Amino acid sequence: MIKYTEDHEWLKVEGGSAVVGITHHAQDALGDVVFVDLPEVGKTFTQKEVAGVVESVKAAADVYMPVTGEITEVNEALRADPSLANSDPLGAGWFFKVKLADASQLDALMDETSYTRFTATA
C-alpha cells in the first residue's frame, strides 16, 4: 500500500514499517536534486516533524515525517547520488525507512487517486 502526504512525500507500507521518499510532483517542482540531508538511524520523529532536507539547483525543501516512528535505515546510495531522487523517486530514490509507532496515522493520508486530484488543484 502506498500513501501520500500534502507535503509531497510518499510512503510504501510493508507490515509495521514504511519506505519514505518524495513524489514525482515534488522532484519535478524542485528540479535537479544536488544534495540530501538524511535523518540519523535510530532517531524517532513525530508526524509532520522535519526529518531531512532536499536541495536542488532551484531551492531547498524540508522532508517531513509522514507518520510518527523510528528511522531504521537511510538510503546511502541517495546520499552518494542525489539525482536518484529525480530519476527514480518512487524506487531507487527512496529516502529512509521508518518503523511505525501508530499505524492509525496512515488513515489520514491520501491514496494515489486522492493525491493525483490534490496535485491537479495545487
C-alpha atoms as a PDB file:
ATOM      1  CA  MET A   1       0.000   0.000   0.000  1.00  0.00           C
ATOM      2  CA  ILE A   2       1.331   3.429  -0.960  1.00  0.00           C
ATOM      3  CA  LYS A   3       0.129   6.589   0.790  1.00  0.00           C
ATOM      4  CA  TYR A   4       0.847  10.266   0.063  1.00  0.00           C
ATOM      5  CA  THR A   5       1.059  13.458   2.134  1.00  0.00           C
ATOM      6  CA  GLU A   6       0.097  17.034   1.321  1.00  0.00           C
ATOM      7  CA  ASP A   7       3.813  17.842   1.638  1.00  0.00           C
ATOM      8  CA  HIS A   8       4.543  15.519  -1.333  1.00  0.00           C
ATOM      9  CA  GLU A   9       6.116  12.577   0.479  1.00  0.00           C
ATOM     10  CA  TRP A  10       5.102   9.025  -0.354  1.00  0.00           C
ATOM     11  CA  LEU A  11       5.323   6.017   1.882  1.00  0.00           C
ATOM     12  CA  LYS A  12       5.107   2.375   0.933  1.00  0.00           C
ATOM     13  CA  VAL A  13       3.809   0.419   3.885  1.00  0.00           C
ATOM     14  CA  GLU A  14       5.234  -3.043   4.441  1.00  0.00           C
ATOM     15  CA  GLY A  15       3.882  -4.599   7.633  1.00  0.00           C
ATOM     16  CA  GLY A  16       4.832  -2.391  10.598  1.00  0.00           C
ATOM     17  CA  SER A  17       7.335  -0.361   8.578  1.00  0.00           C
ATOM     18  CA  ALA A  18       7.330   2.018   5.638  1.00  0.00           C
ATOM     19  CA  VAL A  19       9.750   3.243   2.992  1.00  0.00           C
ATOM     20  CA  VAL A  20       9.568   7.040   2.525  1.00  0.00           C
ATOM     21  CA  GLY A  21      10.551   9.317  -0.357  1.00  0.00           C
ATOM     22  CA  ILE A  22       9.448  12.375  -2.294  1.00  0.00           C
ATOM     23  CA  THR A  23       6.885  12.182  -5.083  1.00  0.00           C
ATOM     24  CA  HIS A  24       7.290  12.777  -8.818  1.00  0.00           C
ATOM     25  CA  HIS A  25       5.435  16.051  -8.288  1.00  0.00           C
ATOM     26  CA  ALA A  26       7.941  17.180  -5.628  1.00  0.00           C
ATOM     27  CA  GLN A  27      11.052  16.302  -7.610  1.00  0.00           C
ATOM     28  CA  ASP A  28       9.512  17.957 -10.675  1.00  0.00           C
ATOM     29  CA  ALA A  29       8.911  21.185  -8.742  1.00  0.00           C
ATOM     30  CA  LEU A  30      12.394  21.128  -7.212  1.00  0.00           C
ATOM     31  CA  GLY A  31      14.351  20.449 -10.391  1.00  0.00           C
ATOM     32  CA  ASP A  32      17.755  18.755 -10.314  1.00  0.00           C
ATOM     33  CA  VAL A  33      18.419  17.465  -6.795  1.00  0.00           C
ATOM     34  CA  VAL A  34      22.035  18.095  -5.768  1.00  0.00           C
ATOM     35  CA  PHE A  35      22.074  17.224  -2.046  1.00  0.00           C
ATOM     36  CA  VAL A  36      20.025  15.321   0.516  1.00  0.00           C
ATOM     37  CA  ASP A  37      20.304  15.503   4.280  1.00  0.00           C
ATOM     38  CA  LEU A  38      19.011  12.221   5.668  1.00  0.00           C
ATOM     39  CA  PRO A  39      17.958  11.538   9.266  1.00  0.00           C
ATOM     40  CA  GLU A  40      20.012   9.512  11.714  1.00  0.00           C
ATOM     41  CA  VAL A  41      19.198   5.794  12.063  1.00  0.00           C
ATOM     42  CA  GLY A  42      17.636   5.120  15.463  1.00  0.00           C
ATOM     43  CA  LYS A  43      16.179   8.615  15.823  1.00  0.00           C
ATOM     44  CA  THR A  44      12.447   8.925  16.454  1.00  0.00           C
ATOM     45  CA  PHE A  45      10.333  11.634  14.828  1.00  0.00           C
ATOM     46  CA  THR A  46       6.742  12.679  15.333  1.00  0.00           C
ATOM     47  CA  GLN A  47       4.371  13.059  12.407  1.00  0.00           C
ATOM     48  CA  LYS A  48       4.992  16.270  10.390  1.00  0.00           C
ATOM     49  CA  GLU A  49       8.371  16.882  12.069  1.00  0.00           C
ATOM     50  CA  VAL A  50      11.226  17.781   9.688  1.00  0.00           C
ATOM     51  CA  ALA A  51      13.218  14.580   9.121  1.00  0.00           C
ATOM     52  CA  GLY A  52      15.527  15.723   6.330  1.00  0.00           C
ATOM     53  CA  VAL A  53      16.262  18.274   3.643  1.00  0.00           C
ATOM     54  CA  VAL A  54      16.473  18.025  -0.111  1.00  0.00           C
ATOM     55  CA  GLU A  55      18.340  20.702  -2.052  1.00  0.00           C
ATOM     56  CA  SER A  56      18.114  21.333  -5.761  1.00  0.00           C
ATOM     57  CA  VAL A  57      19.542  23.845  -8.177  1.00  0.00           C
ATOM     58  CA  LYS A  58      16.336  25.878  -7.600  1.00  0.00           C
ATOM     59  CA  ALA A  59      15.542  25.554  -3.892  1.00  0.00           C
ATOM     60  CA  ALA A  60      15.831  23.679  -0.629  1.00  0.00           C
ATOM     61  CA  ALA A  61      12.843  21.878   0.847  1.00  0.00           C
ATOM     62  CA  ASP A  62      12.193  20.107   4.099  1.00  0.00           C
ATOM     63  CA  VAL A  63      11.261  16.443   4.082  1.00  0.00           C
ATOM     64  CA  TYR A  64       8.539  15.890   6.668  1.00  0.00           C
ATOM     65  CA  MET A  65       7.921  12.694   8.597  1.00  0.00           C
ATOM     66  CA  PRO A  66       4.629  11.324   7.229  1.00  0.00           C
ATOM     67  CA  VAL A  67       3.987   9.253  10.379  1.00  0.00           C
ATOM     68  CA  THR A  68       5.422   9.010  13.874  1.00  0.00           C
ATOM     69  CA  GLY A  69       8.162   6.425  14.085  1.00  0.00           C
ATOM     70  CA  GLU A  70      11.796   5.411  14.360  1.00  0.00           C
ATOM     71  CA  ILE A  71      14.260   5.599  11.457  1.00  0.00           C
ATOM     72  CA  THR A  72      15.534   2.081  10.773  1.00  0.00           C
ATOM     73  CA  GLU A  73      17.535   2.697   7.591  1.00  0.00           C
ATOM     74  CA  VAL A  74      18.602   5.518   5.280  1.00  0.00           C
ATOM     75  CA  ASN A  75      19.387   5.314   1.582  1.00  0.00           C
ATOM     76  CA  GLU A  76      23.161   5.736   1.432  1.00  0.00           C
ATOM     77  CA  ALA A  77      23.026   5.425  -2.376  1.00  0.00           C
ATOM     78  CA  LEU A  78      20.885   8.577  -2.447  1.00  0.00           C
ATOM     79  CA  ARG A  79      23.421  10.414  -0.288  1.00  0.00           C
ATOM     80  CA  ALA A  80      26.136   9.417  -2.793  1.00  0.00           C
ATOM     81  CA  ASP A  81      23.975  10.161  -5.863  1.00  0.00           C
ATOM     82  CA  PRO A  82      21.185  12.680  -5.038  1.00  0.00           C
ATOM     83  CA  SER A  83      19.998  12.633  -8.670  1.00  0.00           C
ATOM     84  CA  LEU A  84      18.280   9.304  -7.888  1.00  0.00           C
ATOM     85  CA  ALA A  85      15.533  11.444  -6.309  1.00  0.00           C
ATOM     86  CA  ASN A  86      14.874  12.783  -9.835  1.00  0.00           C
ATOM     87  CA  SER A  87      15.474   9.714 -11.970  1.00  0.00           C
ATOM     88  CA  ASP A  88      13.643   7.168  -9.770  1.00  0.00           C
ATOM     89  CA  PRO A  89      11.780   8.959  -6.950  1.00  0.00           C
ATOM     90  CA  LEU A  90       9.456   6.032  -6.226  1.00  0.00           C
ATOM     91  CA  GLY A  91      12.209   3.398  -6.448  1.00  0.00           C
ATOM     92  CA  ALA A  92      15.969   3.764  -6.019  1.00  0.00           C
ATOM     93  CA  GLY A  93      15.486   7.390  -4.895  1.00  0.00           C
ATOM     94  CA  TRP A  94      13.795   6.496  -1.578  1.00  0.00           C
ATOM     95  CA  PHE A  95      14.978   8.488   1.469  1.00  0.00           C
ATOM     96  CA  PHE A  96      14.533   6.375   4.603  1.00  0.00           C
ATOM     97  CA  LYS A  97      12.689   3.528   6.259  1.00  0.00           C
ATOM     98  CA  VAL A  98      10.628   4.011   9.393  1.00  0.00           C
ATOM     99  CA  LYS A  99       9.156   1.664  11.986  1.00  0.00           C
ATOM    100  CA  LEU A 100       5.567   2.837  12.500  1.00  0.00           C
ATOM    101  CA  ALA A 101       4.616   3.907  16.031  1.00  0.00           C
ATOM    102  CA  ASP A 102       0.903   4.351  15.238  1.00  0.00           C
ATOM    103  CA  ALA A 103      -0.454   2.688  12.102  1.00  0.00           C
ATOM    104  CA  SER A 104      -3.780   4.528  12.502  1.00  0.00           C
ATOM    105  CA  GLN A 105      -1.996   7.693  11.270  1.00  0.00           C
ATOM    106  CA  LEU A 106      -1.990   6.103   7.807  1.00  0.00           C
ATOM    107  CA  ASP A 107      -5.767   6.518   7.624  1.00  0.00           C
ATOM    108  CA  ALA A 108      -5.450  10.314   7.322  1.00  0.00           C
ATOM    109  CA  LEU A 109      -3.025  10.115   4.367  1.00  0.00           C
ATOM    110  CA  MET A 110      -4.069  10.123   0.709  1.00  0.00           C
ATOM    111  CA  ASP A 111      -4.190   7.206  -1.679  1.00  0.00           C
ATOM    112  CA  GLU A 112      -2.880   7.637  -5.232  1.00  0.00           C
ATOM    113  CA  THR A 113      -6.234   8.785  -6.653  1.00  0.00           C
ATOM    114  CA  SER A 114      -6.690  11.417  -3.937  1.00  0.00           C
ATOM    115  CA  TYR A 115      -3.086  12.601  -4.303  1.00  0.00           C
ATOM    116  CA  THR A 116      -3.457  12.936  -8.079  1.00  0.00           C
ATOM    117  CA  ARG A 117      -6.575  15.076  -7.552  1.00  0.00           C
ATOM    118  CA  PHE A 118      -4.742  17.106  -4.866  1.00  0.00           C
ATOM    119  CA  THR A 119      -1.772  17.891  -7.155  1.00  0.00           C
ATOM    120  CA  ALA A 120      -4.066  18.792 -10.051  1.00  0.00           C
ATOM    121  CA  THR A 121      -5.610  21.587  -7.979  1.00  0.00           C
ATOM    122  CA  ALA A 122      -2.459  22.640  -6.102  1.00  0.00           C
END
